[in-house]
């Protein structure tokens, strides 16, 4: 039998004296992410029409072998670029707008701040707009990688803290801290094995990286289910369903993107099979 408290725990609030600093910090972060979108998208379109011999770190960028078989599917390079860019822009615009809306509604709550920052960060999460920007303009490397680290850390923290900002179960304090430290080290040292923040490193041990990252996020899913069954009120349970849906969507898009190439190496080889995986998997990863 599950417990069902009648009175919800009060939401953790940002101290009044900190609100101006937090709001200015959020605005700066949002503007940096928006600038990455604005500067990176035209470059993204160009790079999608410029096949390369190798596309490590930019999954959806076509290789020379991919470009050679595009006509078999009735596509040209410009048509392929429009198709991929449309999904990337729609995904990014939706999540960015959602992040702004959430913060505008309840900028005084700790969890709202975390959710908003996660949405802003994840607006660049399923494409290579930011990666290609930093490749062309190295000065953007640290903002881009910091944004990726922030999104990765906060996404799991949502699992431990949503909806009221209190850790449930209490033992999640330790993985919360550990996950933050681990990602900060990955951010500083790109060559650490299983580093999911840097595509070149992650792709060296793709299956192991997928298993590690997925296992970590599953602890957040477990925490939400535990909270739902043992702690949450009816109102909080309704809110938790959205987070559970979000974790499920994140699992789907991560699985679609990383698991097939890890299990079937042919999907890493230029040609028709890889191209079909991109054309089908990219929109699925963006919808989920």
Protein backbone atom coordinates (compact mmCIF):
# COMPACT_ATOMS: atom_id res chain seq x y z
CA UNK A 1 0.00 0.00 0.00
CA UNK A 2 1.28 3.48 -0.85
CA UNK A 3 1.23 6.50 1.40
CA UNK A 4 -0.63 9.58 0.29
CA UNK A 5 0.05 12.72 2.36
CA UNK A 6 -2.85 15.14 2.50
CA UNK A 7 -0.62 18.20 2.96
CA UNK A 8 2.17 18.74 0.43
CA UNK A 9 5.65 19.72 1.57
CA UNK A 10 6.24 23.42 0.88
CA UNK A 11 8.21 24.16 -2.25
CA UNK A 12 11.76 25.34 -1.74
CA UNK A 13 11.96 29.02 -2.61
CA UNK A 14 14.90 31.11 -3.72
CA UNK A 15 15.72 33.58 -0.92
CA UNK A 16 14.29 37.02 -1.65
CA UNK A 17 17.71 38.65 -1.45
CA UNK A 18 19.02 36.29 -4.14
CA UNK A 19 16.19 36.73 -6.63
CA UNK A 20 17.68 39.71 -8.55
CA UNK A 21 21.01 37.90 -8.97
CA UNK A 22 19.31 34.66 -10.01
CA UNK A 23 17.11 36.42 -12.56
CA UNK A 24 20.03 38.30 -14.08
CA UNK A 25 22.05 35.07 -14.21
CA UNK A 26 19.16 33.27 -15.88
CA UNK A 27 18.82 36.07 -18.44
CA UNK A 28 22.53 35.92 -19.29
CA UNK A 29 22.35 32.14 -19.67
CA UNK A 30 19.26 32.36 -21.88
CA UNK A 31 20.90 34.99 -24.09
CA UNK A 32 24.02 32.83 -24.50
CA UNK A 33 21.92 29.84 -25.56
CA UNK A 34 19.88 32.01 -27.92
CA UNK A 35 23.08 33.42 -29.44
CA UNK A 36 24.36 29.88 -30.05
CA UNK A 37 21.11 29.15 -31.91
CA UNK A 38 21.31 32.35 -33.97
CA UNK A 39 24.99 32.05 -34.89
CA UNK A 40 25.02 28.29 -35.24
CA UNK A 41 21.94 27.64 -37.38
CA UNK A 42 23.18 29.27 -40.64
CA UNK A 43 26.50 27.48 -40.19
CA UNK A 44 24.57 24.26 -39.53
CA UNK A 45 22.73 24.57 -42.84
CA UNK A 46 26.00 25.13 -44.68
CA UNK A 47 27.76 22.20 -43.01
CA UNK A 48 24.86 19.85 -43.77
CA UNK A 49 25.46 20.62 -47.45
CA UNK A 50 29.22 20.05 -47.18
CA UNK A 51 29.90 16.32 -46.92
CA UNK A 52 33.10 15.24 -45.21
CA UNK A 53 35.04 12.00 -45.12
CA UNK A 54 34.33 11.66 -41.38
CA UNK A 55 31.61 13.17 -39.19
CA UNK A 56 32.67 12.30 -35.65
CA UNK A 57 30.66 14.36 -33.17
CA UNK A 58 28.11 15.49 -35.76
CA UNK A 59 25.94 12.45 -36.37
CA UNK A 60 23.53 14.04 -38.85
CA UNK A 61 26.18 15.68 -41.04
CA UNK A 62 26.44 13.57 -44.21
CA UNK A 63 29.66 11.85 -45.18
CA UNK A 64 30.81 11.67 -48.78
CA UNK A 65 29.39 8.15 -48.92
CA UNK A 66 26.03 9.34 -47.58
CA UNK A 67 25.86 12.14 -50.14
CA UNK A 68 26.51 9.69 -52.95
CA UNK A 69 23.38 7.67 -52.12
CA UNK A 70 21.04 10.60 -51.41
CA UNK A 71 19.66 10.50 -54.99
CA UNK A 72 18.59 6.89 -54.40
CA UNK A 73 16.12 8.29 -51.84
CA UNK A 74 15.11 11.15 -54.11
CA UNK A 75 16.99 13.74 -52.05
CA UNK A 76 19.57 16.38 -52.85
CA UNK A 77 22.04 17.87 -50.38
CA UNK A 78 20.00 21.10 -50.08
CA UNK A 79 16.83 19.07 -49.56
CA UNK A 80 18.53 16.95 -46.91
CA UNK A 81 19.80 20.09 -45.16
CA UNK A 82 16.31 21.64 -45.13
CA UNK A 83 14.79 18.44 -43.74
CA UNK A 84 17.28 18.10 -40.88
CA UNK A 85 17.36 21.83 -40.09
CA UNK A 86 13.56 22.05 -39.92
CA UNK A 87 13.44 19.38 -37.21
CA UNK A 88 16.35 20.93 -35.33
CA UNK A 89 14.82 24.42 -35.36
CA UNK A 90 11.34 23.24 -34.35
CA UNK A 91 12.77 21.19 -31.48
CA UNK A 92 15.01 24.01 -30.31
CA UNK A 93 12.35 26.70 -30.54
CA UNK A 94 9.79 24.64 -28.63
CA UNK A 95 12.10 23.79 -25.72
CA UNK A 96 13.57 27.30 -25.54
CA UNK A 97 10.10 28.85 -25.46
CA UNK A 98 9.00 26.34 -22.80
CA UNK A 99 12.03 27.24 -20.68
CA UNK A 100 11.21 30.95 -20.89
CA UNK A 101 7.54 30.35 -20.09
CA UNK A 102 8.27 28.19 -17.04
CA UNK A 103 10.69 30.74 -15.59
CA UNK A 104 8.34 33.65 -16.30
CA UNK A 105 5.55 31.91 -14.39
CA UNK A 106 7.46 30.93 -11.20
CA UNK A 107 10.96 32.33 -11.16
CA UNK A 108 11.02 32.33 -7.33
CA UNK A 109 11.02 28.51 -6.99
CA UNK A 110 14.18 26.39 -6.94
CA UNK A 111 12.74 23.55 -9.01
CA UNK A 112 11.27 25.94 -11.56
CA UNK A 113 14.70 27.47 -12.06
CA UNK A 114 16.23 24.01 -12.56
CA UNK A 115 13.51 22.94 -15.00
CA UNK A 116 13.80 26.18 -16.97
CA UNK A 117 17.58 25.97 -17.28
CA UNK A 118 17.29 22.33 -18.34
CA UNK A 119 14.82 23.19 -21.09
CA UNK A 120 17.03 26.03 -22.34
CA UNK A 121 20.06 23.74 -22.40
CA UNK A 122 18.24 20.82 -24.00
CA UNK A 123 17.01 23.08 -26.82
CA UNK A 124 20.45 22.33 -28.31
CA UNK A 125 20.44 18.72 -27.19
CA UNK A 126 19.43 16.67 -30.23
CA UNK A 127 21.44 18.31 -32.99
CA UNK A 128 24.98 19.44 -33.74
CA UNK A 129 24.34 23.18 -34.10
CA UNK A 130 26.46 23.97 -31.06
CA UNK A 131 29.16 21.42 -31.91
CA UNK A 132 29.67 22.75 -35.44
CA UNK A 133 29.75 26.32 -34.09
CA UNK A 134 32.58 25.52 -31.69
CA UNK A 135 34.46 23.66 -34.43
CA UNK A 136 34.39 26.73 -36.65
CA UNK A 137 34.81 29.28 -33.86
CA UNK A 138 36.88 27.80 -30.98
CA UNK A 139 36.08 30.75 -28.71
CA UNK A 140 32.61 29.22 -28.35
CA UNK A 141 33.96 25.93 -27.04
CA UNK A 142 33.60 26.71 -23.33
CA UNK A 143 30.08 28.24 -23.53
CA UNK A 144 28.91 25.31 -25.67
CA UNK A 145 30.38 22.63 -23.44
CA UNK A 146 29.26 24.40 -20.26
CA UNK A 147 25.72 24.46 -21.63
CA UNK A 148 25.87 20.73 -22.38
CA UNK A 149 27.21 19.99 -18.90
CA UNK A 150 24.49 22.11 -17.28
CA UNK A 151 21.71 20.34 -19.14
CA UNK A 152 23.09 16.88 -18.36
CA UNK A 153 23.48 17.62 -14.64
CA UNK A 154 20.16 19.36 -14.11
CA UNK A 155 18.14 16.78 -16.03
CA UNK A 156 19.05 14.13 -13.46
CA UNK A 157 18.61 16.58 -10.58
CA UNK A 158 15.01 17.08 -11.69
CA UNK A 159 14.44 13.39 -11.04
CA UNK A 160 15.69 13.77 -7.48
CA UNK A 161 14.05 17.12 -6.64
CA UNK A 162 10.81 17.55 -8.58
CA UNK A 163 8.22 18.84 -7.76
CA UNK A 164 9.00 20.62 -4.46
CA UNK A 165 12.80 20.88 -4.42
CA UNK A 166 13.27 18.32 -1.62
CA UNK A 167 15.41 15.22 -2.07
CA UNK A 168 13.39 12.00 -2.18
CA UNK A 169 14.62 9.41 -1.27
CA UNK A 170 17.19 11.03 0.99
CA UNK A 171 20.05 8.88 -0.28
CA UNK A 172 19.78 10.67 -3.64
CA UNK A 173 21.90 13.43 -2.12
CA UNK A 174 25.00 11.37 -2.88
CA UNK A 175 24.35 10.56 -6.54
CA UNK A 176 23.20 14.18 -6.99
CA UNK A 177 26.60 15.39 -5.79
CA UNK A 178 28.49 12.63 -7.60
CA UNK A 179 26.75 13.28 -10.91
CA UNK A 180 27.58 16.97 -10.67
CA UNK A 181 31.26 16.29 -9.92
CA UNK A 182 31.53 13.64 -12.64
CA UNK A 183 30.14 15.96 -15.32
CA UNK A 184 32.31 18.85 -14.15
CA UNK A 185 35.39 16.64 -14.56
CA UNK A 186 34.18 15.55 -18.00
CA UNK A 187 33.72 19.23 -18.85
CA UNK A 188 37.29 20.08 -17.83
CA UNK A 189 38.97 16.95 -19.22
CA UNK A 190 37.45 15.90 -22.56
CA UNK A 191 39.58 12.75 -22.90
CA UNK A 192 38.29 11.04 -19.74
CA UNK A 193 36.72 7.74 -20.95
CA UNK A 194 32.93 7.50 -21.32
CA UNK A 195 32.69 11.29 -21.57
CA UNK A 196 29.24 11.88 -23.03
CA UNK A 197 29.76 15.66 -23.26
CA UNK A 198 32.29 15.30 -26.10
CA UNK A 199 31.15 13.29 -29.09
CA UNK A 200 34.64 12.27 -30.13
CA UNK A 201 35.29 10.65 -26.74
CA UNK A 202 31.83 9.13 -26.34
CA UNK A 203 31.99 7.46 -29.75
CA UNK A 204 35.18 5.61 -28.80
CA UNK A 205 33.18 3.41 -26.40
CA UNK A 206 29.64 4.10 -27.55
CA UNK A 207 27.85 1.14 -25.94
CA UNK A 208 29.62 1.53 -22.58
CA UNK A 209 28.90 5.27 -22.57
CA UNK A 210 25.23 4.63 -23.37
CA UNK A 211 24.91 2.07 -20.56
CA UNK A 212 26.59 4.34 -18.00
CA UNK A 213 24.58 7.46 -18.80
CA UNK A 214 21.29 5.59 -19.11
CA UNK A 215 21.88 3.85 -15.77
CA UNK A 216 22.46 7.20 -14.07
CA UNK A 217 19.27 8.68 -15.47
CA UNK A 218 17.31 5.60 -14.47
CA UNK A 219 18.09 6.46 -10.83
CA UNK A 220 16.21 9.71 -11.40
CA UNK A 221 13.30 7.77 -12.85
CA UNK A 222 13.35 5.45 -9.84
CA UNK A 223 13.34 8.46 -7.48
CA UNK A 224 10.28 9.89 -9.20
CA UNK A 225 8.42 6.57 -9.03
CA UNK A 226 9.34 6.20 -5.35
CA UNK A 227 8.16 9.74 -4.63
CA UNK A 228 4.94 9.11 -6.57
CA UNK A 229 4.14 5.95 -4.61
CA UNK A 230 5.22 6.94 -1.11
CA UNK A 231 5.42 10.70 -0.67
CA UNK A 232 3.44 12.74 -3.18
CA UNK A 233 -0.01 14.21 -2.71
CA UNK A 234 -2.61 13.88 -5.46
CA UNK A 235 -1.64 17.30 -6.81
CA UNK A 236 2.05 16.41 -6.81
CA UNK A 237 1.32 13.10 -8.50
CA UNK A 238 -0.34 14.94 -11.36
CA UNK A 239 2.81 17.05 -11.74
CA UNK A 240 5.06 14.00 -11.47
CA UNK A 241 3.37 12.34 -14.44
CA UNK A 242 4.81 15.06 -16.68
CA UNK A 243 8.32 14.40 -15.38
CA UNK A 244 7.90 10.65 -15.89
CA UNK A 245 6.82 11.41 -19.45
CA UNK A 246 9.89 13.61 -19.88
CA UNK A 247 12.24 10.89 -18.62
CA UNK A 248 10.58 8.39 -20.96
CA UNK A 249 11.01 10.79 -23.88
CA UNK A 250 14.66 11.37 -23.00
CA UNK A 251 15.24 7.61 -22.85
CA UNK A 252 13.62 7.19 -26.27
CA UNK A 253 15.61 9.89 -28.01
CA UNK A 254 18.88 8.74 -26.41
CA UNK A 255 18.16 5.15 -27.40
CA UNK A 256 17.24 6.07 -30.97
CA UNK A 257 20.38 8.15 -31.34
CA UNK A 258 23.04 6.02 -29.64
CA UNK A 259 21.96 2.40 -29.19
CA UNK A 260 21.51 1.25 -32.82
CA UNK A 261 25.01 2.40 -33.90
CA UNK A 262 26.48 0.83 -30.76
CA UNK A 263 24.86 -2.54 -31.50
CA UNK A 264 25.12 -2.48 -35.29
CA UNK A 265 28.45 -1.03 -36.50
CA UNK A 266 27.13 -0.89 -40.07
CA UNK A 267 25.16 2.19 -39.00
CA UNK A 268 28.46 3.98 -38.52
CA UNK A 269 29.56 3.22 -42.07
CA UNK A 270 28.76 5.75 -44.83
CA UNK A 271 25.98 4.66 -47.11
CA UNK A 272 22.29 3.94 -47.41
CA UNK A 273 21.82 2.15 -44.07
CA UNK A 274 23.36 4.98 -42.04
CA UNK A 275 21.43 7.56 -44.03
CA UNK A 276 18.08 5.85 -43.39
CA UNK A 277 18.91 5.68 -39.68
CA UNK A 278 19.49 9.45 -39.67
CA UNK A 279 16.42 10.31 -41.74
CA UNK A 280 14.16 8.22 -39.49
CA UNK A 281 15.98 8.54 -36.18
CA UNK A 282 16.62 12.28 -36.21
CA UNK A 283 12.95 13.34 -36.23
CA UNK A 284 12.08 10.59 -33.74
CA UNK A 285 14.78 11.84 -31.38
CA UNK A 286 13.47 15.39 -31.74
CA UNK A 287 9.81 14.48 -31.27
CA UNK A 288 10.47 12.33 -28.17
